[in-house]
Amino acid sequence: MQLTAPATSTTTNKAVATGRRDADGMAVASFILGLVGLLVLNVFLGPIAIALAGAALWRGTTRRGRAFLGLGLGIADLLVLVAFMQIDSTLSWSF
């Protein structure tokens, strides 16, 4: 008695397509969060953008450029935070 269906090429192709689509979504999300993080909540959005970009690259996204932009923007978020913290001599920054 077999409890699961045998793995066929269509089942495997669907899983790969779904995984790649998820990775593409993570690449786009990292780009958007990194871009928004330059303006607001960079202490939270920067690390999330970095993590999503890393996960998208690890899973083999087809949108590698978008993932690298999200990674760069996430790092830029943290650098902007550090720069403003140095200027204000506080743990947060405001206008």
C-alpha atoms as a PDB file:
ATOM      1  CA  MET A   1       0.000   0.000   0.000  1.00  0.00           C
ATOM      2  CA  GLN A   2       1.371   3.367  -0.989  1.00  0.00           C
ATOM      3  CA  LEU A   3       0.226   6.448   0.910  1.00  0.00           C
ATOM      4  CA  THR A   4       1.631   9.066  -1.449  1.00  0.00           C
ATOM      5  CA  ALA A   5       1.549   9.362  -5.182  1.00  0.00           C
ATOM      6  CA  PRO A   6       4.745   8.405  -6.941  1.00  0.00           C
ATOM      7  CA  ALA A   7       6.936  11.305  -7.991  1.00  0.00           C
ATOM      8  CA  THR A   8       6.437  12.002 -11.667  1.00  0.00           C
ATOM      9  CA  SER A   9       8.094  14.562 -13.851  1.00  0.00           C
ATOM     10  CA  THR A  10       5.006  16.807 -13.809  1.00  0.00           C
ATOM     11  CA  THR A  11       4.924  16.815 -10.001  1.00  0.00           C
ATOM     12  CA  THR A  12       8.627  17.604  -9.838  1.00  0.00           C
ATOM     13  CA  ASN A  13       8.337  20.353 -12.464  1.00  0.00           C
ATOM     14  CA  LYS A  14       5.482  21.961 -10.565  1.00  0.00           C
ATOM     15  CA  ALA A  15       7.518  21.985  -7.356  1.00  0.00           C
ATOM     16  CA  VAL A  16      10.513  23.548  -9.116  1.00  0.00           C
ATOM     17  CA  ALA A  17       8.313  26.157 -10.798  1.00  0.00           C
ATOM     18  CA  THR A  18       6.637  27.019  -7.498  1.00  0.00           C
ATOM     19  CA  GLY A  19       9.998  27.287  -5.708  1.00  0.00           C
ATOM     20  CA  ARG A  20      11.397  29.544  -8.417  1.00  0.00           C
ATOM     21  CA  ARG A  21       8.282  31.707  -8.359  1.00  0.00           C
ATOM     22  CA  ASP A  22       8.627  32.046  -4.578  1.00  0.00           C
ATOM     23  CA  ALA A  23      12.283  33.025  -5.005  1.00  0.00           C
ATOM     24  CA  ASP A  24      11.322  35.624  -7.626  1.00  0.00           C
ATOM     25  CA  GLY A  25       8.758  37.061  -5.199  1.00  0.00           C
ATOM     26  CA  MET A  26      11.364  37.231  -2.455  1.00  0.00           C
ATOM     27  CA  ALA A  27      13.743  39.085  -4.799  1.00  0.00           C
ATOM     28  CA  VAL A  28      11.087  41.678  -5.615  1.00  0.00           C
ATOM     29  CA  ALA A  29      10.069  41.997  -1.963  1.00  0.00           C
ATOM     30  CA  SER A  30      13.681  42.549  -0.893  1.00  0.00           C
ATOM     31  CA  PHE A  31      14.047  45.313  -3.483  1.00  0.00           C
ATOM     32  CA  ILE A  32      10.851  47.064  -2.377  1.00  0.00           C
ATOM     33  CA  LEU A  33      11.608  46.739   1.345  1.00  0.00           C
ATOM     34  CA  GLY A  34      15.151  47.999   0.810  1.00  0.00           C
ATOM     35  CA  LEU A  35      13.865  50.977  -1.143  1.00  0.00           C
ATOM     36  CA  VAL A  36      11.217  51.868   1.436  1.00  0.00           C
ATOM     37  CA  GLY A  37      13.738  51.282   4.221  1.00  0.00           C
ATOM     38  CA  LEU A  38      15.858  54.177   2.978  1.00  0.00           C
ATOM     39  CA  LEU A  39      13.042  56.480   4.084  1.00  0.00           C
ATOM     40  CA  VAL A  40      11.409  54.846   7.108  1.00  0.00           C
ATOM     41  CA  LEU A  41      12.046  52.007   9.571  1.00  0.00           C
ATOM     42  CA  ASN A  42      15.489  51.216   8.165  1.00  0.00           C
ATOM     43  CA  VAL A  43      16.505  49.388  11.346  1.00  0.00           C
ATOM     44  CA  PHE A  44      13.791  46.779  10.616  1.00  0.00           C
ATOM     45  CA  LEU A  45      13.448  46.829   6.834  1.00  0.00           C
ATOM     46  CA  GLY A  46      17.184  46.731   6.098  1.00  0.00           C
ATOM     47  CA  PRO A  47      17.862  43.342   7.708  1.00  0.00           C
ATOM     48  CA  ILE A  48      14.638  41.914   6.280  1.00  0.00           C
ATOM     49  CA  ALA A  49      15.658  43.034   2.774  1.00  0.00           C
ATOM     50  CA  ILE A  50      19.094  41.455   3.242  1.00  0.00           C
ATOM     51  CA  ALA A  51      17.585  38.175   4.453  1.00  0.00           C
ATOM     52  CA  LEU A  52      15.042  38.001   1.623  1.00  0.00           C
ATOM     53  CA  ALA A  53      17.683  38.771  -1.003  1.00  0.00           C
ATOM     54  CA  GLY A  54      19.965  36.086   0.395  1.00  0.00           C
ATOM     55  CA  ALA A  55      17.142  33.540   0.428  1.00  0.00           C
ATOM     56  CA  ALA A  56      16.139  34.422  -3.132  1.00  0.00           C
ATOM     57  CA  LEU A  57      19.712  34.042  -4.365  1.00  0.00           C
ATOM     58  CA  TRP A  58      20.080  30.764  -2.457  1.00  0.00           C
ATOM     59  CA  ARG A  59      16.927  29.361  -4.076  1.00  0.00           C
ATOM     60  CA  GLY A  60      18.091  30.333  -7.561  1.00  0.00           C
ATOM     61  CA  THR A  61      15.841  33.208  -8.555  1.00  0.00           C
ATOM     62  CA  THR A  62      15.622  34.260 -12.173  1.00  0.00           C
ATOM     63  CA  ARG A  63      15.592  37.890 -10.997  1.00  0.00           C
ATOM     64  CA  ARG A  64      19.173  37.945  -9.755  1.00  0.00           C
ATOM     65  CA  GLY A  65      19.579  41.650 -10.521  1.00  0.00           C
ATOM     66  CA  ARG A  66      16.563  42.539  -8.414  1.00  0.00           C
ATOM     67  CA  ALA A  67      17.859  40.367  -5.579  1.00  0.00           C
ATOM     68  CA  PHE A  68      21.288  42.033  -5.704  1.00  0.00           C
ATOM     69  CA  LEU A  69      19.612  45.470  -5.699  1.00  0.00           C
ATOM     70  CA  GLY A  70      17.576  44.428  -2.656  1.00  0.00           C
ATOM     71  CA  LEU A  71      20.765  43.243  -0.960  1.00  0.00           C
ATOM     72  CA  GLY A  72      22.539  46.507  -1.736  1.00  0.00           C
ATOM     73  CA  LEU A  73      19.602  48.609  -0.592  1.00  0.00           C
ATOM     74  CA  GLY A  74      19.328  46.613   2.647  1.00  0.00           C
ATOM     75  CA  ILE A  75      22.988  47.289   3.357  1.00  0.00           C
ATOM     76  CA  ALA A  76      22.491  50.947   2.420  1.00  0.00           C
ATOM     77  CA  ASP A  77      19.596  51.117   4.905  1.00  0.00           C
ATOM     78  CA  LEU A  78      21.892  50.081   7.717  1.00  0.00           C
ATOM     79  CA  LEU A  79      24.641  52.452   6.561  1.00  0.00           C
ATOM     80  CA  VAL A  80      22.177  55.370   6.507  1.00  0.00           C
ATOM     81  CA  LEU A  81      21.078  54.440  10.022  1.00  0.00           C
ATOM     82  CA  VAL A  82      24.689  54.353  11.247  1.00  0.00           C
ATOM     83  CA  ALA A  83      25.461  57.696   9.570  1.00  0.00           C
ATOM     84  CA  PHE A  84      22.491  59.442  11.157  1.00  0.00           C
ATOM     85  CA  MET A  85      23.252  57.861  14.515  1.00  0.00           C
ATOM     86  CA  GLN A  86      26.781  59.265  14.340  1.00  0.00           C
ATOM     87  CA  ILE A  87      25.525  62.723  13.410  1.00  0.00           C
ATOM     88  CA  ASP A  88      22.871  62.857  16.145  1.00  0.00           C
ATOM     89  CA  SER A  89      24.859  60.894  18.747  1.00  0.00           C
ATOM     90  CA  THR A  90      21.719  58.926  19.567  1.00  0.00           C
ATOM     91  CA  LEU A  91      20.452  55.404  19.034  1.00  0.00           C
ATOM     92  CA  SER A  92      17.845  56.618  16.541  1.00  0.00           C
ATOM     93  CA  TRP A  93      17.522  59.413  14.059  1.00  0.00           C
ATOM     94  CA  SER A  94      14.839  61.931  13.227  1.00  0.00           C
ATOM     95  CA  PHE A  95      14.451  64.941  10.976  1.00  0.00           C
END
